[in-house]
Amino acid sequence: MPWGQVPVLYINGEPLPQTVAICRYLAELYSLKPSTAWRCARADAVAEAVSDITNRAATVRRATDPGVKKVLRAEFLETRLPEFLTQLEEKLNEGQFLCGEQVCWVDIYLATMLEVIGAICRVDDPSAGFPRTAALVSRVRSIPEIAAWIARRPPSIVGEDPPATGAAAEGK
């Protein structure tokens, strides 16, 4: 497995690792790229910010000490996530989607990663209180093909705590 982690998309037996690389590849195949080079760059910038905030949320998930996990979760939900969503709200003023009036790959990526963040942090709607972001997520989730996938997809294990390792696994 390339880079030793998922996700990996296999195309004709060839692996393509890394979430954003997979998103960009699929965007090319399914006409989900923004319409101009500038909008592509802006989409990339948003994707990087989404990756950053998702990685921050992952530190909550990886914490093994319950007290530390509680502190990290509170700091993330009270400070980091609201800061990110406040900045995102400002970017959602040029149309229904992040790059204008047409959905692009970064809209889908954002909606998906907010769902992952919600699962990790045990929050039903991470975009609550941020109306433009919540509306964008709703628009993405209501795209017929995406809505159909959500209805039939298998359950996720994203929000579950990772298995104990080392001394914790041995009960020490």
Protein backbone atom coordinates (compact mmCIF):
# COMPACT_ATOMS: atom_id res chain seq x y z
CA MET A 1 0.00 0.00 0.00
CA PRO A 2 1.56 3.33 -1.05
CA TRP A 3 2.53 5.55 1.89
CA GLY A 4 1.30 2.81 4.24
CA GLN A 5 -2.20 4.24 4.67
CA VAL A 6 -5.62 4.56 3.11
CA PRO A 7 -7.26 5.78 1.00
CA VAL A 8 -5.91 4.20 -2.15
CA LEU A 9 -7.82 4.17 -5.43
CA TYR A 10 -6.83 1.43 -7.85
CA ILE A 11 -7.20 2.18 -11.55
CA ASN A 12 -6.35 -0.70 -13.87
CA GLY A 13 -4.33 -2.26 -11.06
CA GLU A 14 -2.32 0.91 -10.43
CA PRO A 15 -2.60 2.52 -6.99
CA LEU A 16 -3.31 6.21 -6.51
CA PRO A 17 -2.88 7.18 -2.84
CA GLN A 18 -3.86 10.28 -0.87
CA THR A 19 -7.32 11.77 -0.56
CA VAL A 20 -6.77 15.06 -2.38
CA ALA A 21 -4.88 13.43 -5.25
CA ILE A 22 -7.79 11.01 -5.68
CA CYS A 23 -10.26 13.90 -5.57
CA ARG A 24 -8.38 15.84 -8.22
CA TYR A 25 -8.12 12.78 -10.45
CA LEU A 26 -11.86 12.09 -10.17
CA ALA A 27 -12.60 15.77 -10.73
CA GLU A 28 -10.78 15.54 -14.04
CA LEU A 29 -12.70 12.41 -15.05
CA TYR A 30 -16.13 13.67 -14.01
CA SER A 31 -15.91 17.35 -14.96
CA LEU A 32 -15.81 18.55 -11.36
CA LYS A 33 -12.91 20.94 -11.85
CA PRO A 34 -13.48 24.67 -11.45
CA SER A 35 -13.81 26.58 -14.71
CA THR A 36 -10.64 28.72 -14.52
CA ALA A 37 -7.06 28.31 -13.35
CA TRP A 38 -7.72 30.90 -10.62
CA ARG A 39 -10.74 29.01 -9.31
CA CYS A 40 -8.73 25.76 -9.43
CA ALA A 41 -6.07 27.41 -7.27
CA ARG A 42 -8.72 28.68 -4.86
CA ALA A 43 -10.22 25.19 -4.67
CA ASP A 44 -6.78 23.81 -3.88
CA ALA A 45 -6.32 26.41 -1.14
CA VAL A 46 -9.65 25.47 0.45
CA ALA A 47 -8.76 21.77 0.17
CA GLU A 48 -5.49 22.41 2.00
CA ALA A 49 -7.35 24.24 4.78
CA VAL A 50 -9.90 21.41 4.99
CA SER A 51 -7.06 18.89 5.24
CA ASP A 52 -5.44 20.97 7.98
CA ILE A 53 -8.60 21.16 10.10
CA THR A 54 -9.32 17.46 9.55
CA ASN A 55 -5.80 16.62 10.71
CA ARG A 56 -6.43 18.73 13.82
CA ALA A 57 -9.58 16.71 14.49
CA ALA A 58 -7.59 13.52 14.05
CA THR A 59 -5.42 14.49 17.03
CA VAL A 60 -8.58 14.24 19.14
CA ARG A 61 -9.21 10.75 17.81
CA ARG A 62 -5.63 9.59 18.38
CA ALA A 63 -5.47 10.77 22.00
CA THR A 64 -5.49 7.74 24.28
CA ASP A 65 -5.73 9.42 27.68
CA PRO A 66 -9.39 10.30 28.36
CA GLY A 67 -8.48 13.55 30.13
CA VAL A 68 -6.22 14.67 27.29
CA LYS A 69 -8.87 13.66 24.73
CA LYS A 70 -11.48 15.75 26.56
CA VAL A 71 -9.22 18.82 26.60
CA LEU A 72 -8.25 18.41 22.93
CA ARG A 73 -11.88 17.93 21.88
CA ALA A 74 -13.01 21.03 23.78
CA GLU A 75 -10.18 23.15 22.35
CA PHE A 76 -10.93 21.91 18.84
CA LEU A 77 -14.70 22.45 19.06
CA GLU A 78 -14.53 25.78 20.91
CA THR A 79 -11.62 27.39 19.07
CA ARG A 80 -10.09 25.65 16.04
CA LEU A 81 -13.23 24.54 14.22
CA PRO A 82 -15.11 27.84 14.72
CA GLU A 83 -12.06 29.77 13.44
CA PHE A 84 -11.94 27.59 10.33
CA LEU A 85 -15.70 27.81 9.71
CA THR A 86 -15.71 31.59 10.21
CA GLN A 87 -13.07 31.96 7.50
CA LEU A 88 -14.95 29.53 5.27
CA GLU A 89 -18.18 31.53 5.65
CA GLU A 90 -16.34 34.54 4.21
CA LYS A 91 -15.34 32.54 1.15
CA LEU A 92 -18.91 31.44 0.47
CA ASN A 93 -20.09 34.74 -0.91
CA GLU A 94 -19.62 34.29 -4.65
CA GLY A 95 -22.25 31.72 -5.44
CA GLN A 96 -23.91 28.57 -4.23
CA PHE A 97 -20.63 26.66 -4.16
CA LEU A 98 -17.03 27.41 -3.24
CA CYS A 99 -16.04 28.10 -6.85
CA GLY A 100 -19.19 29.80 -8.07
CA GLU A 101 -22.51 28.43 -9.25
CA GLN A 102 -21.32 24.94 -10.19
CA VAL A 103 -20.39 22.20 -7.75
CA CYS A 104 -16.73 21.23 -7.89
CA TRP A 105 -14.68 18.56 -6.20
CA VAL A 106 -13.71 20.73 -3.22
CA ASP A 107 -17.39 21.20 -2.30
CA ILE A 108 -17.79 17.43 -2.07
CA TYR A 109 -14.49 17.10 -0.21
CA LEU A 110 -15.52 19.75 2.33
CA ALA A 111 -18.94 18.16 2.94
CA THR A 112 -17.33 14.75 3.39
CA MET A 113 -14.59 15.96 5.72
CA LEU A 114 -17.08 17.86 7.88
CA GLU A 115 -18.96 14.59 8.26
CA VAL A 116 -15.70 12.89 9.26
CA ILE A 117 -14.96 15.67 11.76
CA GLY A 118 -18.45 15.26 13.21
CA ALA A 119 -17.90 11.53 13.64
CA ILE A 120 -14.49 12.00 15.24
CA CYS A 121 -15.69 14.69 17.65
CA ARG A 122 -19.12 13.17 18.26
CA VAL A 123 -20.96 16.22 16.88
CA ASP A 124 -24.08 15.79 14.74
CA ASP A 125 -23.54 18.91 12.62
CA PRO A 126 -20.14 20.61 12.77
CA SER A 127 -21.46 23.41 10.54
CA ALA A 128 -24.29 24.36 12.93
CA GLY A 129 -24.18 28.10 13.51
CA PHE A 130 -22.46 28.69 10.18
CA PRO A 131 -25.38 29.11 7.75
CA ARG A 132 -23.49 29.41 4.46
CA THR A 133 -21.42 26.34 5.21
CA ALA A 134 -24.47 24.38 6.38
CA ALA A 135 -26.32 25.36 3.20
CA LEU A 136 -23.38 24.28 1.03
CA VAL A 137 -23.20 20.91 2.78
CA SER A 138 -26.95 20.48 2.31
CA ARG A 139 -26.69 21.33 -1.41
CA VAL A 140 -23.88 18.82 -1.88
CA ARG A 141 -25.69 16.08 0.04
CA SER A 142 -28.86 16.68 -2.02
CA ILE A 143 -27.16 16.07 -5.39
CA PRO A 144 -29.07 12.99 -6.56
CA GLU A 145 -26.03 10.76 -7.09
CA ILE A 146 -24.54 11.74 -3.73
CA ALA A 147 -27.87 11.35 -1.92
CA ALA A 148 -28.22 7.87 -3.43
CA TRP A 149 -24.73 6.90 -2.27
CA ILE A 150 -25.37 8.20 1.25
CA ALA A 151 -28.55 6.12 1.40
CA ARG A 152 -26.79 2.87 0.43
CA ARG A 153 -23.24 3.25 1.74
CA PRO A 154 -21.96 0.93 4.46
CA PRO A 155 -21.68 2.19 8.03
CA SER A 156 -18.56 4.14 8.91
CA ILE A 157 -16.08 3.36 11.65
CA VAL A 158 -14.51 6.83 11.50
CA GLY A 159 -15.84 7.99 14.86
CA GLU A 160 -14.83 4.87 16.72
CA ASP A 161 -11.81 5.09 18.95
CA PRO A 162 -8.75 3.41 17.48
CA PRO A 163 -7.77 0.05 18.95
CA ALA A 164 -5.55 0.22 21.99
CA THR A 165 -1.87 -0.52 21.42
CA GLY A 166 1.13 -1.07 23.64
CA ALA A 167 0.55 -0.99 27.40
CA ALA A 168 -3.09 0.06 26.96
CA ALA A 169 -3.77 -3.07 24.88
CA GLU A 170 -2.13 -5.22 27.53
CA GLY A 171 -4.28 -3.69 30.26
CA LYS A 172 -1.39 -1.94 32.02
